[in-house]
Amino acid sequence: MTEEKISSEKEFAGTTSCHGVSHIYQHKARTLPRMIWLIITIAATSVCISQCIIIIYEASLLPTRITFSDTSAVSAIFPSITICNTDNSPRDVAPADDLRYMAMLLNTQSRENAYSSSQIAEAARYFLNKYGDTFDYENYIRTSSVKLKDMLLSCRWMNRPCNISDFTSIITDYGNCYTFNPGTNDLPLKNQTVPGDQYGLRLILNIEQYRYYPKLVYADRPDAGIRFTIHYHREPPNLLAKSIMAPAGSHTYVAITKTHQKRLEKPWGECGVRKLLYHKFYSHTACIDEMTAIFATDHCNCSIIGPFDSFKECDSIQFLTCIVPILAKVRIHAYRSVAFCPLPCETYSYPSVISYGKLATIPISDVISEYINASAIIDRIQTLGWIDDPNYSISDFVKDNILYLDIYYSDLQTNVIEQQRATGFAEVLSNIGGQMGLFIGASVITIAEILQYLLKKLYNGSTRVSRPSHNSPEKTRTTQI
């Protein structure tokens, strides 16, 4: 029986492709070399098993890798540019109380705890009492805000003239703003075909600081200039979090590049997509806007994004007395509710390098007449008492009101950042095979040989158990007869 056992193991050792086993059963070898080979084989097998366990464990963690690549092109779709005047309530378009209360409501919807509840209620009552229950909040903002035709002195795109028809109006937390290259049906997307500031968007703007209402220039918002944001044309602007300032009296250069980021969905990544009601393209900003509106709708029992489900559109009273006071609070709740607005799986961003140059006010004073009659404006604002300095010059006017803004691609490449799976079935199988081949010289054929050996041992063992013994009582009785 022992000889049979030894012979089967010697047979396996002599035929298997697994390294080391044959050296243990060498017939002519001495005991010491065989023991050394036994130790080496056990150690190598142990290390191989431990490495395979580590490979399987690390694969179970679903690791990812990030790849970076550049895609060249002869042209690049220009992003949308949304611009807002830092003071969107000119003092000569509405009564002082209108401006003061409207600024209060705008600040309330963008900043939590900007005013007390009694002050907000006072502002709402003011407009409802003055304009009635049909007061149109959004339309009032459009009519009382700075007009683009008054601000825009010059517009050039790809070194060719552009005008106010290339912009669309949009209501934001900063009032009425304007978007260049919005990508709407009537305004096809623009492509920049040559990099550099001469072939991007150049705006010359008059911010009309002389029309700023002094009581609306707050200590925390003392700026005079243009607030703007650069965003993908299929997503709304996020001026609260991603705005850039262009001050008066300066030339602001914004060199941009395009980055396309791709992320993996769960369980490999953290991105996701939520079907939105009023946006075809999912973005985090669009989702936050809609979730803010939905949370406000649930609280006030009326909708600010049009009728949906069983909710009707808010009337003026509901909007001013309920929606406006809670907008900032519910927006914060929407930002914190990650489950409602997951990270997008695909985003487009525009990393920017911003530089500023001071305007040469003396030379520009001589050529500004091509765009605007500065002398007539100075006479008017001095007559109205908006400026007390009798020596206020055109150079002072340029320094206080005029700015140049250049936004352009520094190159036409798209930087692609992609999250990819670091492991898969093929990678895990390859890594395990590499460890087996390195430590014990094993392969799939070796595994088949081991299985054949084990099955043969099992079969031989079961055969011996079922075979009758030579000394059984039945055979003894037969012999005696």
Foldseek 3Di string as FASTA:
>chain_A
DVVVVLVLQQVLLVPFLWPLSNLLNDPPDDNVSNVVSVVQQVVLVVVLVVLLVVLVVVVVLQAWDKDKDKDADLKAFFFKKKKFFLFFAFPPQDPPLLSVLLLVLLCLLADAPPDDLVSLVVSLCVCCVVPNQQDDSQVVLVRRTDDVVQWFLFKDAQQHGDDQVQWDWDQDSSTIIIMGQLCDPVHHTDMQRDFDLNHHMKTKTFSPPLRHDVVSCDPVRNAGFMKMATFHSQDDDDSSPGIDGFGFQKEKEKAKAKEKEAEDPPPNGFADADDDDPGPDAALRRLLVRQLQVVLCVVLVAGCVADDDPHHHDTSSSCSNRVSNCNNVSSVVSVPPCVSRPHHRIGMDIDIDMDMGGDPLVVVLVVVVVRDDQVVVVVVSVVVVSDVDPPCDSSNSRRHTIYMYTYTHNRNMYIYMYMGGPDDPVRSVVSSQVSSCVSTNDDPVSVVSVVVSVVVVVVVVVVVVPDDDPPDPVVVVVVVD
